[in-house]
Protein backbone atom coordinates (compact mmCIF):
# COMPACT_ATOMS: atom_id res chain seq x y z
CA SER A 1 -86.96 3.33 -43.18
CA ILE A 2 -84.23 2.99 -40.53
CA GLU A 3 -83.57 6.72 -40.78
CA TYR A 4 -87.26 7.41 -40.19
CA LEU A 5 -87.33 5.08 -37.19
CA LYS A 6 -84.18 6.72 -35.75
CA GLN A 7 -85.70 10.19 -36.22
CA TYR A 8 -89.01 9.01 -34.75
CA LEU A 9 -87.35 7.73 -31.60
CA GLU A 10 -85.42 10.98 -31.15
CA GLU A 11 -88.59 13.11 -31.56
CA GLU A 12 -90.61 10.80 -29.31
CA ALA A 13 -88.41 11.63 -26.36
CA GLU A 14 -91.07 14.18 -25.24
CA HIS A 15 -94.06 11.92 -25.97
CA ASP A 16 -93.67 8.51 -24.32
CA ALA A 17 -97.36 7.55 -24.79
CA ARG A 18 -97.07 6.86 -28.52
CA LEU A 19 -96.45 3.47 -30.01
CA VAL A 20 -93.38 2.80 -32.16
CA PRO A 21 -94.31 1.78 -35.72
CA ILE A 22 -92.98 -1.54 -36.96
CA ASN A 23 -91.49 -1.27 -40.46
CA SER A 24 -91.30 -4.52 -42.39
CA LYS A 25 -88.34 -3.23 -44.43
CA ILE A 26 -86.04 -3.48 -41.41
CA ALA A 27 -84.10 -6.74 -41.84
CA ASP A 28 -82.87 -6.92 -38.24
CA MET A 29 -85.27 -9.20 -36.37
CA GLY A 30 -83.84 -8.14 -33.00
CA ILE A 31 -85.04 -4.55 -33.52
CA ARG A 32 -88.47 -5.82 -34.53
CA ASP A 33 -88.70 -7.90 -31.39
CA GLN A 34 -87.65 -4.94 -29.24
CA ILE A 35 -90.31 -2.73 -30.87
CA GLY A 36 -92.94 -5.42 -30.21
CA VAL A 37 -91.98 -5.74 -26.55
CA PHE A 38 -91.99 -1.96 -26.14
CA ASN A 39 -95.44 -1.57 -27.71
CA ASP A 40 -96.89 -4.42 -25.61
CA THR A 41 -95.48 -2.91 -22.43
CA LEU A 42 -96.85 0.54 -23.40
CA LEU A 43 -100.34 -0.83 -24.06
CA LYS A 44 -100.30 -2.74 -20.78
CA LYS A 45 -99.27 0.37 -18.90
CA THR A 46 -101.92 2.53 -20.59
CA SER A 47 -104.76 0.10 -19.76
CA LEU A 48 -103.57 -0.30 -16.16
CA LYS A 49 -103.17 3.45 -15.72
CA VAL A 50 -106.79 4.08 -16.70
CA ASN A 51 -108.09 1.69 -14.02
CA ALA A 52 -105.51 2.11 -11.23
CA GLY A 53 -104.18 5.63 -11.60
CA ASP A 54 -100.69 7.09 -11.84
CA ASN A 55 -99.58 6.18 -8.32
CA ASN A 56 -100.03 2.47 -8.71
CA PRO A 57 -96.71 0.63 -8.08
CA ILE A 58 -97.19 -1.59 -11.08
CA VAL A 59 -97.74 1.46 -13.29
CA ARG A 60 -94.50 2.99 -12.01
CA GLU A 61 -92.60 -0.23 -12.59
CA LEU A 62 -93.93 -0.43 -16.13
CA GLU A 63 -92.87 3.19 -16.76
CA ALA A 64 -89.33 2.32 -15.63
CA ASN A 65 -89.30 -0.72 -17.91
CA LEU A 66 -90.53 1.41 -20.78
CA SER A 67 -87.69 3.87 -20.25
CA SER A 68 -85.02 1.13 -20.28
CA LEU A 69 -86.63 -0.58 -23.26
CA LYS A 70 -86.68 2.65 -25.18
CA ASP A 71 -83.01 3.35 -24.44
CA ALA A 72 -82.04 -0.16 -25.54
CA LEU A 73 -84.13 0.27 -28.69
CA LYS A 74 -82.34 3.54 -29.49
CA ARG A 75 -78.95 1.94 -29.08
CA SER A 76 -79.91 -0.99 -31.30
CA VAL A 77 -81.26 1.33 -33.98
CA ASN A 78 -78.12 3.50 -33.86
CA ASN A 79 -75.84 0.43 -34.13
CA TYR A 80 -77.85 -0.96 -36.99
CA TYR A 81 -77.80 2.43 -38.70
CA THR A 82 -74.00 2.63 -38.29
CA SER A 83 -73.50 -0.87 -39.71
CA LEU A 84 -75.67 0.04 -42.70
CA LEU A 85 -73.52 3.12 -43.31
CA VAL A 86 -70.34 1.00 -43.23
CA LYS A 87 -71.85 -1.50 -45.67
CA LYS A 88 -72.90 1.33 -47.90
CA LYS A 89 -69.39 2.76 -47.85
CA ASN A 90 -67.88 -0.64 -48.72
CA ILE A 91 -70.33 -1.13 -51.56
CA GLN A 92 -69.51 2.32 -52.93
CA ASP A 93 -65.76 1.58 -52.77
CA GLN A 94 -66.25 -1.72 -54.53
CA HIS A 95 -68.36 0.02 -57.13
CA GLU A 96 -65.62 2.59 -57.74
CA LYS A 97 -63.00 -0.14 -58.11
CA THR A 98 -65.17 -1.97 -60.59
CA ARG A 99 -65.72 1.19 -62.60
CA GLU A 100 -61.99 1.92 -62.54
CA HIS A 101 -61.25 -1.58 -63.76
CA ILE A 102 -63.77 -1.16 -66.55
CA ARG A 103 -62.20 2.15 -67.53
CA ASN A 104 -58.72 0.53 -67.66
CA VAL A 105 -59.83 -2.30 -69.91
CA SER A 106 -59.51 -0.20 -73.02
CA SER A 107 -55.96 1.03 -72.14
CA ARG A 108 -54.80 -2.51 -71.40
CA GLU A 109 -56.25 -3.69 -74.64
CA ARG A 110 -54.33 -0.95 -76.42
CA ASP A 111 -51.10 -2.08 -74.70
CA VAL A 112 -51.70 -5.67 -75.73
CA ASN A 113 -52.36 -4.59 -79.31
CA TYR A 114 -49.17 -2.51 -79.29
CA ILE A 115 -47.08 -5.43 -78.06
CA ASP A 116 -48.64 -7.75 -80.63
CA ARG A 117 -47.91 -5.24 -83.39
CA GLU A 118 -44.28 -4.87 -82.29
CA GLN A 119 -43.88 -8.63 -82.25
CA ARG A 120 -45.21 -8.97 -85.77
CA VAL A 121 -42.87 -6.20 -86.99
CA ARG A 122 -39.83 -7.90 -85.45
CA GLU A 123 -40.81 -11.25 -86.92
CA SER A 124 -41.08 -9.71 -90.35
CA LEU A 125 -37.66 -7.99 -89.94
CA TYR A 126 -36.06 -11.26 -88.82
CA VAL A 127 -37.49 -13.11 -91.83
CA LEU A 128 -36.24 -10.33 -94.10
CA LEU A 129 -32.72 -10.53 -92.66
CA LEU A 130 -32.66 -14.31 -93.04
CA ASN A 131 -33.62 -13.93 -96.67
CA LYS A 132 -30.90 -11.32 -97.24
CA ARG A 133 -28.28 -13.59 -95.63
CA GLU A 134 -29.25 -16.47 -97.90
CA GLU A 135 -29.11 -14.17 -100.94
CA ASN A 136 -25.63 -12.93 -99.97
CA SER A 137 -24.42 -16.50 -99.41
CA LEU A 138 -25.64 -17.49 -102.84
CA ALA A 139 -24.07 -14.42 -104.40
CA LEU A 140 -20.67 -15.10 -102.78
CA ALA A 141 -20.78 -18.74 -103.79
CA ALA A 142 -21.50 -17.82 -107.38
CA THR A 143 -18.73 -15.18 -107.61
CA GLU A 144 -15.61 -16.34 -109.48
CA ASP A 145 -12.24 -16.01 -107.67
CA ASN A 146 -10.10 -13.52 -109.55
CA ALA A 147 -7.14 -13.22 -107.11
CA ARG A 148 -3.66 -13.39 -108.68
CA MET A 149 -0.09 -13.62 -107.31
CA VAL A 150 1.72 -10.36 -107.88
CA ASP A 151 5.14 -11.12 -106.28
CA ASP A 152 6.84 -14.39 -105.42
CA VAL A 153 7.25 -15.34 -101.78
CA ARG A 154 10.72 -14.56 -100.44
CA GLY A 155 12.29 -15.76 -97.14
CA GLY A 156 15.35 -17.31 -95.53
CA ASN A 157 16.10 -20.98 -95.11
CA GLY A 158 15.74 -20.87 -91.27
CA PRO A 159 12.61 -20.16 -89.21
CA LEU A 160 11.76 -16.55 -88.47
CA GLU A 161 10.39 -17.30 -84.98
CA PRO A 162 11.07 -18.18 -82.19
CA ASN A 163 14.40 -16.48 -81.48
CA VAL A 164 16.03 -19.17 -79.32
CA PRO A 165 19.13 -17.23 -78.12
CA LYS A 166 17.00 -14.26 -77.12
CA ILE A 167 14.55 -16.45 -75.19
CA LEU A 168 17.39 -18.25 -73.40
CA MET A 169 19.02 -14.96 -72.43
CA VAL A 170 15.77 -13.50 -71.09
CA GLY A 171 15.06 -16.69 -69.14
CA PHE A 172 18.59 -16.71 -67.69
CA LEU A 173 18.36 -13.08 -66.56
CA ALA A 174 14.86 -13.63 -65.11
CA GLY A 175 16.11 -16.71 -63.27
CA LEU A 176 18.82 -14.59 -61.66
CA ALA A 177 16.67 -11.57 -60.90
CA ILE A 178 13.57 -13.23 -59.46
CA PRO A 179 15.32 -15.06 -56.57
CA VAL A 180 17.30 -11.92 -55.70
CA VAL A 181 14.13 -9.83 -55.62
CA LEU A 182 12.32 -12.45 -53.54
CA CYS A 183 15.21 -12.64 -51.06
CA VAL A 184 15.30 -8.85 -50.72
CA VAL A 185 11.53 -8.64 -50.21
CA ALA A 186 11.61 -11.51 -47.68
CA ALA A 187 14.43 -9.78 -45.77
CA MET A 188 12.49 -6.49 -45.72
CA LEU A 189 9.30 -8.17 -44.50
CA ASP A 190 11.04 -10.36 -41.91
CA SER A 191 10.34 -8.90 -38.45
CA ASN A 192 12.13 -11.59 -36.42
CA VAL A 193 15.39 -11.09 -34.57
CA LYS A 194 18.10 -13.25 -36.16
CA ARG A 195 21.40 -11.46 -35.55
CA ARG A 196 23.27 -9.94 -32.65
CA LYS A 197 23.62 -6.66 -34.55
CA GLU A 198 19.83 -6.27 -34.65
CA ILE A 199 19.61 -6.52 -30.84
CA GLU A 200 22.45 -4.06 -30.36
CA ALA A 201 20.88 -1.63 -32.85
CA LEU A 202 17.39 -1.69 -31.27
CA THR A 203 18.30 -1.90 -27.56
CA ALA A 204 21.03 -0.96 -25.12
CA ILE A 205 20.91 -4.36 -23.41
CA PRO A 206 24.32 -6.09 -23.38
CA VAL A 207 24.62 -9.30 -25.38
CA TYR A 208 26.67 -11.80 -23.38
CA GLY A 209 27.04 -14.23 -26.25
CA GLU A 210 25.52 -16.06 -29.17
CA LEU A 211 25.32 -19.78 -29.87
CA PRO A 212 25.35 -21.11 -33.45
CA ARG A 213 22.80 -23.60 -34.70
CA LYS A 214 23.51 -27.23 -33.86
CA PRO A 215 24.64 -29.48 -36.73
CA ARG A 216 22.31 -32.20 -37.94
CA LYS A 217 24.24 -34.93 -36.17
CA LEU A 218 23.72 -33.13 -32.84
CA LYS A 219 20.11 -32.14 -33.45
CA ASN A 220 18.69 -34.40 -30.71
CA GLN A 221 21.65 -34.00 -28.33
CA GLU A 222 21.40 -31.40 -25.57
CA ILE A 223 24.93 -31.70 -24.09
CA VAL A 224 27.31 -30.47 -26.81
CA VAL A 225 30.33 -29.51 -24.70
CA ASN A 226 32.84 -32.17 -25.83
CA LEU A 227 36.45 -31.78 -24.74
CA GLU A 228 37.76 -34.57 -26.99
CA GLU A 229 36.32 -33.21 -30.23
CA PRO A 230 35.95 -29.43 -29.91
CA SER A 231 33.80 -27.68 -32.47
CA GLU A 232 32.64 -24.19 -33.22
CA LEU A 233 29.49 -24.79 -31.13
CA SER A 234 31.35 -26.20 -28.12
CA GLU A 235 33.85 -23.32 -28.20
CA CYS A 236 31.04 -20.78 -27.70
CA PHE A 237 30.26 -22.01 -24.19
CA PRO A 238 33.76 -21.39 -22.80
CA LEU A 239 33.51 -17.83 -24.11
CA LEU A 240 30.23 -17.40 -22.27
CA ALA A 241 31.73 -19.07 -19.19
CA GLU A 242 34.60 -16.56 -19.31
CA ARG A 243 32.00 -13.77 -19.30
CA MET A 244 30.44 -15.29 -16.16
CA VAL A 245 33.88 -15.37 -14.49
CA ALA A 246 34.37 -11.73 -15.43
CA LEU A 247 31.03 -10.86 -13.83
CA SER A 248 32.09 -12.74 -10.72
CA ASP A 249 35.33 -10.75 -10.60
CA GLU A 250 33.31 -7.54 -10.89
CA ASN A 251 31.34 -8.79 -7.87
CA ALA A 252 34.59 -8.97 -5.82
CA GLY A 253 34.94 -12.67 -6.48
CA LYS A 254 31.78 -13.51 -4.58
CA PRO A 255 29.58 -16.47 -5.66
CA LEU A 256 27.06 -15.67 -8.37
CA SER A 257 23.49 -16.85 -8.60
CA VAL A 258 22.45 -16.78 -12.27
CA LEU A 259 18.80 -16.76 -13.41
CA ILE A 260 18.19 -18.24 -16.87
CA THR A 261 14.84 -17.25 -18.38
CA SER A 262 13.28 -16.28 -21.70
CA THR A 263 10.17 -14.84 -23.30
CA CYS A 264 8.48 -18.16 -24.04
CA SER A 265 9.19 -21.85 -23.72
CA GLY A 266 11.37 -23.73 -26.20
CA GLU A 267 14.01 -21.02 -26.68
CA GLY A 268 16.92 -23.02 -25.21
CA LYS A 269 17.04 -22.23 -21.46
CA THR A 270 17.73 -25.82 -20.38
CA TYR A 271 20.19 -26.36 -23.23
CA LEU A 272 22.17 -23.25 -22.20
CA SER A 273 22.02 -24.08 -18.48
CA VAL A 274 23.48 -27.59 -18.83
CA ASN A 275 26.31 -26.73 -21.21
CA LEU A 276 27.31 -23.48 -19.50
CA ALA A 277 27.38 -25.15 -16.06
CA LEU A 278 29.44 -28.01 -17.47
CA SER A 279 31.92 -25.56 -19.07
CA LEU A 280 32.51 -23.81 -15.72
CA ALA A 281 32.72 -27.13 -13.86
CA VAL A 282 35.40 -28.43 -16.25
CA ALA A 283 37.32 -25.20 -15.62
CA GLY A 284 37.48 -26.11 -11.90
CA LYS A 285 34.62 -23.95 -10.63
CA LYS A 286 32.22 -25.38 -8.08
CA VAL A 287 28.86 -25.23 -9.86
CA LEU A 288 25.29 -26.09 -8.84
CA LEU A 289 22.58 -26.53 -11.47
CA MET A 290 19.08 -25.96 -10.02
CA ASP A 291 15.78 -26.80 -11.69
CA MET A 292 13.54 -23.88 -10.63
CA ASP A 293 10.82 -24.85 -13.10
CA LEU A 294 8.45 -26.31 -10.51
CA ARG A 295 5.69 -26.73 -13.08
CA LYS A 296 7.27 -28.99 -15.75
CA GLY A 297 10.72 -29.87 -14.43
CA SER A 298 12.31 -29.84 -17.90
CA LEU A 299 15.89 -29.83 -16.58
CA SER A 300 15.16 -32.74 -14.25
CA CYS A 301 13.70 -34.79 -17.12
CA LEU A 302 16.77 -34.05 -19.29
CA LEU A 303 19.28 -35.10 -16.59
CA GLY A 304 17.30 -38.17 -15.52
CA GLY A 305 16.11 -36.62 -12.27
CA ALA A 306 12.37 -36.99 -12.86
CA GLY A 307 10.81 -38.47 -9.72
CA LYS A 308 13.89 -37.83 -7.58
CA PRO A 309 13.66 -35.57 -4.49
CA GLY A 310 14.50 -31.93 -4.96
CA ILE A 311 13.39 -28.37 -4.21
CA GLY A 312 9.76 -29.39 -3.85
CA ASP A 313 10.79 -31.75 -1.01
CA LEU A 314 12.71 -29.22 1.13
CA GLU A 315 10.08 -29.31 3.84
CA GLN A 316 10.29 -33.10 4.10
CA ALA A 317 14.13 -33.23 3.98
CA GLY A 318 15.77 -35.06 6.85
CA GLU A 319 18.74 -34.16 8.98
CA GLY A 320 20.96 -33.42 6.01
CA GLY A 321 18.56 -30.72 4.79
CA TRP A 322 19.22 -29.56 1.27
CA ARG A 323 22.52 -31.47 1.15
CA SER A 324 20.58 -34.75 1.11
CA LEU A 325 18.74 -33.54 -2.01
CA VAL A 326 21.85 -32.59 -4.04
CA GLU A 327 23.11 -35.14 -6.55
CA GLN A 328 26.62 -35.10 -8.00
CA SER A 329 26.97 -35.07 -11.77
CA PRO A 330 28.60 -38.15 -13.35
CA VAL A 331 30.30 -35.88 -15.92
CA SER A 332 32.32 -33.71 -13.52
CA ALA A 333 33.07 -33.80 -9.80
CA HIS A 334 32.67 -30.01 -9.63
CA LEU A 335 29.07 -30.07 -10.91
CA ASP A 336 26.06 -30.85 -8.71
CA TYR A 337 22.36 -31.05 -9.52
CA LEU A 338 19.37 -29.95 -7.46
CA PHE A 339 16.27 -31.27 -9.20
CA ALA A 340 12.71 -29.94 -9.03
CA GLY A 341 11.52 -32.89 -6.94
CA THR A 342 7.85 -33.28 -6.18
CA LEU A 343 5.99 -30.62 -8.20
CA PRO A 344 3.85 -28.56 -5.78
CA ASP A 345 0.27 -27.46 -6.45
CA HIS A 346 1.21 -23.78 -5.95
CA PRO A 347 4.85 -23.21 -7.04
CA SER A 348 4.66 -19.45 -6.44
CA ARG A 349 3.85 -19.93 -2.77
CA LEU A 350 6.81 -22.27 -2.31
CA LEU A 351 9.21 -19.85 -4.03
CA LEU A 352 8.01 -16.97 -1.82
CA HIS A 353 8.79 -18.93 1.34
CA ASP A 354 11.72 -17.84 3.53
CA ARG A 355 13.29 -21.28 3.28
CA ILE A 356 14.15 -20.62 -0.39
CA ARG A 357 15.97 -17.41 0.54
CA LYS A 358 17.85 -19.17 3.33
CA LEU A 359 18.63 -22.02 0.95
CA MET A 360 20.23 -19.58 -1.49
CA GLU A 361 22.36 -18.03 1.26
CA GLU A 362 23.65 -21.45 2.30
CA LEU A 363 24.29 -22.50 -1.29
CA LYS A 364 26.48 -19.45 -1.92
CA GLU A 365 28.74 -20.61 0.89
CA GLN A 366 29.39 -23.91 -0.94
CA TYR A 367 29.38 -23.03 -4.66
CA ASP A 368 31.02 -20.50 -6.95
CA PHE A 369 28.18 -20.42 -9.47
CA ILE A 370 24.50 -21.33 -9.03
CA PHE A 371 22.48 -21.60 -12.23
CA MET A 372 18.69 -21.47 -11.87
CA ASP A 373 16.78 -22.82 -14.88
CA CYS A 374 13.42 -21.04 -14.55
CA VAL A 375 10.11 -20.61 -16.38
CA PRO A 376 9.54 -17.89 -19.03
CA TYR A 377 9.61 -14.42 -17.51
CA SER A 378 6.64 -12.92 -19.32
CA SER A 379 4.07 -15.68 -18.76
CA LEU A 380 4.34 -16.73 -15.09
CA ALA A 381 5.09 -15.09 -11.75
CA ASP A 382 7.70 -17.72 -10.79
CA ALA A 383 10.49 -15.99 -12.72
CA HIS A 384 9.66 -12.63 -11.09
CA ILE A 385 9.99 -14.24 -7.66
CA VAL A 386 13.23 -16.11 -8.43
CA ALA A 387 14.71 -12.91 -9.92
CA ARG A 388 15.01 -11.53 -6.36
CA LEU A 389 17.50 -14.30 -5.57
CA ALA A 390 19.63 -13.82 -8.70
CA ASP A 391 22.77 -11.68 -9.08
CA VAL A 392 22.89 -12.07 -12.88
CA THR A 393 20.16 -12.78 -15.45
CA LEU A 394 20.76 -14.55 -18.75
CA TYR A 395 17.81 -13.80 -21.01
CA VAL A 396 17.74 -16.50 -23.71
CA MET A 397 16.41 -15.66 -27.16
CA ARG A 398 16.14 -18.09 -30.06
CA ALA A 399 16.97 -16.52 -33.41
CA GLY A 400 13.90 -16.20 -35.59
CA CYS A 401 11.41 -16.69 -32.71
CA VAL A 402 11.34 -13.22 -31.12
CA LYS A 403 9.76 -10.27 -32.92
CA LYS A 404 11.65 -7.00 -33.18
CA ARG A 405 8.72 -5.17 -31.63
CA ASP A 406 9.17 -7.28 -28.46
CA LEU A 407 12.61 -5.79 -27.88
CA ALA A 408 11.00 -2.57 -26.66
CA GLY A 409 9.49 -4.47 -23.72
CA LEU A 410 12.89 -6.03 -22.89
CA GLN A 411 14.51 -2.60 -23.06
CA LYS A 412 11.96 -1.34 -20.53
CA ILE A 413 12.62 -4.32 -18.20
CA TRP A 414 16.38 -3.71 -18.39
CA LYS A 415 16.04 0.04 -17.87
CA ASN A 416 13.77 -0.38 -14.83
CA GLY A 417 16.20 -2.87 -13.28
CA GLU A 418 13.64 -5.62 -12.86
CA LEU A 419 16.32 -8.21 -13.73
CA LYS A 420 19.73 -7.71 -12.14
CA ARG A 421 22.70 -7.38 -14.52
CA MET A 422 20.56 -8.60 -17.36
CA GLY A 423 22.22 -9.82 -20.55
CA ILE A 424 20.94 -11.54 -23.69
CA VAL A 425 22.19 -14.86 -25.04
CA LEU A 426 21.12 -15.42 -28.66
CA CYS A 427 20.72 -19.12 -29.50
CA ASP A 428 20.29 -21.07 -32.71
CA VAL A 429 22.07 -18.45 -34.81
CA GLU A 430 22.69 -19.46 -38.38
CA PRO A 431 26.49 -19.91 -38.72
CA HIS A 432 28.38 -17.33 -40.75
CA GLY A 433 30.11 -18.95 -43.67
CA ARG A 434 33.40 -17.09 -43.18
CA SER A 435 33.78 -17.93 -39.47
CA SER A 436 32.87 -21.59 -39.99
CA ARG A 437 35.38 -21.99 -42.80
CA GLY A 438 38.04 -20.21 -40.78
CA TYR A 439 37.58 -22.56 -37.81
CA ALA A 440 37.68 -25.60 -40.07
CA VAL A 441 40.88 -24.37 -41.80
CA TYR A 442 42.52 -23.69 -38.46
CA ARG A 443 41.65 -27.19 -37.22
CA SER A 444 43.07 -28.74 -40.38
CA LEU A 445 46.51 -27.14 -39.99
CA ASP A 446 49.36 -29.20 -38.57
CA THR A 447 50.12 -27.52 -35.22
CA SER A 448 52.83 -29.94 -34.16
CA SER A 449 55.47 -27.25 -34.68
CA PRO A 450 54.98 -23.47 -34.60
CA CYS A 451 57.63 -23.18 -37.30
CA ALA A 452 56.22 -25.80 -39.64
CA GLU A 453 55.89 -23.31 -42.48
CA LYS A 454 59.47 -22.02 -42.24
């Protein structure tokens, strides 16, 4: 019916004077209402046209309304027709799915029957096997033992196993071999610098000296130079002091300013500075020990100079200038201290000032050796700035703290001349057994007479 109505409206495009039939089979009430309005308007127009003619304004208005009503009716019919087609398509798809499901019922039933049959077969096999196991158990239980001893048992009086001497020997050899292997592997995997020979083999930098590890009784003591009770550790500082004197002689006997720095903190810069300066002061050299670490002031804290005026107070010094800031050491009259003083907010700016350069020139007129305990060279710019004022650089390395791969960077610094007359001092070296015993034997001899043995 909707197809007929759609076709009727398309054919009626040339005949607008015909009424549109109302089909009761059309379920859409909106289309029915539109058809009724169209037919009423057409009848009204036809009756008015007979009495008033074609040129009547009302007739023309009704014709325009008829045209718009007819277009709206066509659109409604087309939309309704399209919706019916979609519903038809959905119903057909649902019908096909239902038929497919019905067709698959038989195959699914066959699968279920097959599974049920397999289950019954396995149950029967399991019951059969259980019965066979019970029959075999009964048969074995009913069988009479007919085993007989053919030969008598023969053996020694002692146990055959374990072999105690063999086990002890294997354990002894393993106890010797395993520690040796572990020590060799640990030595091969160790990448830290521990010996002077390793530095000399990997770089061309001169090694000015090495300091053995402090004994336990001196673990918390920083000043180890003791003239009354000399030891192997205290004897190393005079050797290093002699090297400093030799460098001064190479410099035509002029005063030396010595920079003491390292790769990182905690490698023994302050420890070396104090004991080396004290060794030279005891030898009669005029020595000044400067705390150029204007960030922590480690040397000042060690010598009890924390809070005292120093380098950071040069600008506020009175008439005496830097001389009013120098403090004489209570240990030796030839040793003076110049502490860090008030720690500035920007240490690098203070070190770059011309007053520091002039200070160094004036200090060289009063002292033979000037030791500058500075910050690590690789981490801060302070050491780079102070290096311009130094004639010699002692680069401190703690044994076991510096990696071998870091020596390449030190070799580059030495080759480029960034640090003047640079030399390495290796600290905290594990004492060699032979040298320690030799020093102890020499100290134990009676030296009252050179001919005591004759």
